[in-house]
C-alpha cells in the first residue's frame, strides 16, 4: 500500500495538532500521523538566536530523517520514531522522555508541523498541502507550551518571519482559521481529503 501524504502546516498555535488529532480520531483505520515535533534535535544541537536556544529554526530539526521516514512509509515499510505524542506516550508530561514507537503506513498519512513545507525533500513526497492561517497574537494566545515573552520576541517572531511564513507559498490550500471554530476547520479539511478518505 502506498499512502497519500498530506502536509499540514502553519505557525505555532494555528491549530495543526488539534486538527490532526480530530481527523485521526474519526478515521482511525485510514489516517496516520507524523509530527515534526518528534524530530527535534537534543538541546545541545539546537542553534542559538539572540542568546537563546531556537526551537523555531530548521536547524533544530532532523529534517533528513523525516524525509527518510516518509520514503520508507511510502514504500509500505514501518518506521520507528521516538515520540512525545500524548496518545502514544502519555507519560511524556511527567518524564519528558520520548519513547520509540513503530509507525505503520495507513492509506492517508498526515505530516504535521510548523516547518512541514520547508524542506524540498519532504515537499516532493506530499500529495497535497494545507496551511492554517491566522495572526501572531491569536496563535500566541493559543500556544500551550513554553510561553515565554522574551522567547516570543527574540526568537519565535523573527524565526517565523524568516523561515515559517515563506513556506506558505508551497501550500495548495490556505485556510484562514482566524474566525472559524475547530469544527468548521475540521469540516473544510475533511472536504479537501474526501477524495482519499
Protein backbone atom coordinates (compact mmCIF):
# COMPACT_ATOMS: atom_id res chain seq x y z
CA UNK A 1 0.00 0.00 0.00
CA UNK A 2 1.32 3.41 -0.98
CA UNK A 3 -0.06 6.05 1.35
CA UNK A 4 -1.24 9.52 0.40
CA UNK A 5 0.81 12.17 2.25
CA UNK A 6 -0.95 15.35 3.35
CA UNK A 7 1.15 18.23 4.68
CA UNK A 8 -0.49 20.30 7.45
CA UNK A 9 1.47 23.47 8.15
CA UNK A 10 1.17 26.92 9.73
CA UNK A 11 2.64 28.85 12.63
CA UNK A 12 2.71 27.68 16.22
CA UNK A 13 -0.75 27.77 17.76
CA UNK A 14 -2.61 27.70 14.43
CA UNK A 15 -4.45 24.51 15.42
CA UNK A 16 -2.49 21.93 13.44
CA UNK A 17 -2.19 19.30 16.18
CA UNK A 18 -5.81 19.61 17.30
CA UNK A 19 -6.99 19.26 13.71
CA UNK A 20 -4.84 16.20 13.03
CA UNK A 21 -5.86 14.50 16.27
CA UNK A 22 -9.54 15.05 15.44
CA UNK A 23 -9.05 13.60 11.94
CA UNK A 24 -7.26 10.58 13.39
CA UNK A 25 -9.98 10.04 15.98
CA UNK A 26 -12.70 9.99 13.32
CA UNK A 27 -10.77 7.98 10.72
CA UNK A 28 -8.59 5.83 12.94
CA UNK A 29 -8.17 2.99 10.43
CA UNK A 30 -7.48 5.28 7.47
CA UNK A 31 -5.38 8.14 8.84
CA UNK A 32 -1.92 8.06 10.41
CA UNK A 33 0.04 10.99 11.78
CA UNK A 34 3.69 12.00 11.61
CA UNK A 35 4.54 15.07 13.71
CA UNK A 36 7.51 17.34 13.21
CA UNK A 37 7.76 17.72 16.99
CA UNK A 38 9.14 14.18 17.11
CA UNK A 39 12.16 15.23 15.04
CA UNK A 40 13.66 17.84 17.34
CA UNK A 41 17.38 17.52 17.99
CA UNK A 42 18.78 17.40 21.55
CA UNK A 43 19.19 20.81 23.19
CA UNK A 44 22.97 20.65 22.75
CA UNK A 45 22.50 20.62 18.95
CA UNK A 46 19.90 23.39 18.78
CA UNK A 47 21.17 26.70 17.33
CA UNK A 48 21.32 29.88 19.40
CA UNK A 49 19.45 33.01 18.31
CA UNK A 50 19.78 36.26 20.26
CA UNK A 51 21.33 34.35 23.15
CA UNK A 52 18.55 31.76 23.38
CA UNK A 53 18.07 28.20 22.11
CA UNK A 54 15.99 28.48 18.95
CA UNK A 55 13.47 25.66 18.75
CA UNK A 56 11.88 27.52 15.82
CA UNK A 57 14.80 27.18 13.39
CA UNK A 58 15.04 24.49 10.70
CA UNK A 59 18.46 23.57 12.13
CA UNK A 60 16.74 22.37 15.32
CA UNK A 61 15.09 19.51 13.41
CA UNK A 62 16.24 16.22 11.88
CA UNK A 63 14.57 17.01 8.55
CA UNK A 64 16.69 14.47 6.69
CA UNK A 65 15.39 11.70 8.97
CA UNK A 66 11.84 12.92 8.42
CA UNK A 67 12.32 12.67 4.65
CA UNK A 68 13.85 9.17 5.01
CA UNK A 69 10.96 8.02 7.20
CA UNK A 70 8.40 9.28 4.70
CA UNK A 71 10.18 7.42 1.90
CA UNK A 72 10.07 4.22 3.97
CA UNK A 73 6.37 4.68 4.68
CA UNK A 74 5.72 5.41 1.00
CA UNK A 75 7.22 2.00 0.23
CA UNK A 76 4.91 0.32 2.71
CA UNK A 77 7.51 -0.14 5.44
CA UNK A 78 7.04 0.77 9.13
CA UNK A 79 9.37 3.27 10.78
CA UNK A 80 10.43 3.71 14.41
CA UNK A 81 10.10 7.24 15.78
CA UNK A 82 10.97 8.49 19.24
CA UNK A 83 7.69 10.20 20.02
CA UNK A 84 6.21 12.51 22.62
CA UNK A 85 2.71 12.17 21.15
CA UNK A 86 0.27 12.37 24.07
CA UNK A 87 -1.78 9.37 22.91
CA UNK A 88 1.22 7.13 22.27
CA UNK A 89 3.38 8.39 25.12
CA UNK A 90 1.05 9.63 27.87
CA UNK A 91 3.87 9.62 30.43
CA UNK A 92 5.82 12.26 28.49
CA UNK A 93 4.25 15.08 30.51
CA UNK A 94 5.81 13.57 33.66
CA UNK A 95 9.03 12.06 32.30
CA UNK A 96 9.92 14.50 29.48
CA UNK A 97 11.26 11.43 27.66
CA UNK A 98 10.34 10.32 24.17
CA UNK A 99 9.74 6.62 23.60
CA UNK A 100 10.37 4.57 20.43
CA UNK A 101 7.12 3.66 18.68
CA UNK A 102 6.69 1.76 15.42
CA UNK A 103 4.55 3.70 12.96
CA UNK A 104 2.86 1.71 10.19
CA UNK A 105 1.70 3.29 6.94
CA UNK A 106 -2.01 3.98 6.64
CA UNK A 107 -3.91 4.99 3.48
CA UNK A 108 -3.57 8.67 4.46
CA UNK A 109 -0.55 9.94 6.40
CA UNK A 110 -0.78 13.45 7.81
CA UNK A 111 2.59 15.20 8.14
CA UNK A 112 2.07 17.99 10.65
CA UNK A 113 4.34 20.78 11.82
CA UNK A 114 5.34 24.40 11.57
CA UNK A 115 8.11 23.65 9.05
CA UNK A 116 6.48 20.75 7.21
CA UNK A 117 6.79 22.66 3.93
CA UNK A 118 10.34 23.93 4.48
CA UNK A 119 12.41 21.02 3.17
CA UNK A 120 12.20 20.28 -0.55
CA UNK A 121 12.83 16.54 0.06
CA UNK A 122 9.73 16.44 2.24
CA UNK A 123 7.62 18.62 -0.06
CA UNK A 124 8.27 16.32 -3.01
CA UNK A 125 6.63 13.46 -1.10
CA UNK A 126 3.43 15.33 -0.24
CA UNK A 127 0.35 14.76 -2.38
CA UNK A 128 -1.30 17.94 -1.20
CA UNK A 129 -0.58 20.65 1.35
CA UNK A 130 -2.73 22.69 3.72
CA UNK A 131 -1.75 25.88 5.54
CA UNK A 132 -3.71 27.11 8.57
CA UNK A 133 -3.52 30.90 8.56
CA UNK A 134 -4.07 33.28 11.46
CA UNK A 135 -2.31 36.24 13.03
CA UNK A 136 0.53 36.04 15.55
CA UNK A 137 -1.41 37.31 18.57
CA UNK A 138 -4.13 34.70 18.09
CA UNK A 139 -1.58 31.94 17.64
CA UNK A 140 0.44 33.03 20.67
CA UNK A 141 -2.68 33.12 22.84
CA UNK A 142 -3.48 29.54 21.75
CA UNK A 143 0.06 28.23 22.25
CA UNK A 144 0.03 25.73 25.11
CA UNK A 145 3.72 25.04 25.69
CA UNK A 146 6.75 27.17 26.54
CA UNK A 147 5.07 30.59 26.69
CA UNK A 148 7.98 32.90 27.39
CA UNK A 149 7.59 36.53 26.30
CA UNK A 150 11.33 37.03 25.80
CA UNK A 151 11.50 33.93 23.61
CA UNK A 152 8.44 35.14 21.71
CA UNK A 153 10.07 38.49 20.92
CA UNK A 154 13.68 37.41 20.34
CA UNK A 155 13.25 34.01 18.69
CA UNK A 156 9.73 32.96 17.77
CA UNK A 157 8.62 36.04 15.83
CA UNK A 158 11.86 36.53 13.83
CA UNK A 159 12.16 32.81 13.07
CA UNK A 160 8.52 32.65 11.95
CA UNK A 161 9.07 35.60 9.63
CA UNK A 162 12.34 34.22 8.26
CA UNK A 163 11.59 30.50 7.93
CA UNK A 164 7.95 29.60 8.53
CA UNK A 165 5.85 32.29 6.82
CA UNK A 166 7.71 31.98 3.47
CA UNK A 167 6.69 28.31 3.22
CA UNK A 168 3.03 29.31 2.86
CA UNK A 169 3.78 29.74 -0.85
CA UNK A 170 4.04 25.95 -1.12
CA UNK A 171 0.56 25.31 0.28
CA UNK A 172 -2.05 24.17 -2.19
CA UNK A 173 -4.84 25.10 0.23
CA UNK A 174 -4.72 28.10 2.60
CA UNK A 175 -7.46 28.22 5.23
CA UNK A 176 -7.91 31.39 7.25
CA UNK A 177 -8.84 29.93 10.64
CA UNK A 178 -9.00 33.29 12.46
CA UNK A 179 -12.78 33.32 12.84
CA UNK A 180 -13.51 29.62 12.43
CA UNK A 181 -14.42 27.13 15.14
CA UNK A 182 -12.48 23.85 15.39
CA UNK A 183 -15.49 22.13 13.86
CA UNK A 184 -15.52 24.50 10.88
CA UNK A 185 -11.79 24.00 10.26
CA UNK A 186 -12.28 20.23 10.53
CA UNK A 187 -15.12 20.35 8.00
CA UNK A 188 -13.09 22.32 5.45
CA UNK A 189 -10.10 19.99 5.72
CA UNK A 190 -12.30 16.90 5.66
CA UNK A 191 -13.77 18.23 2.42
CA UNK A 192 -10.26 18.56 0.94
CA UNK A 193 -9.45 14.98 1.95
CA UNK A 194 -12.75 13.44 0.81
CA UNK A 195 -11.21 12.22 -2.45
CA UNK A 196 -8.93 9.91 -0.44
CA UNK A 197 -10.96 9.07 2.67
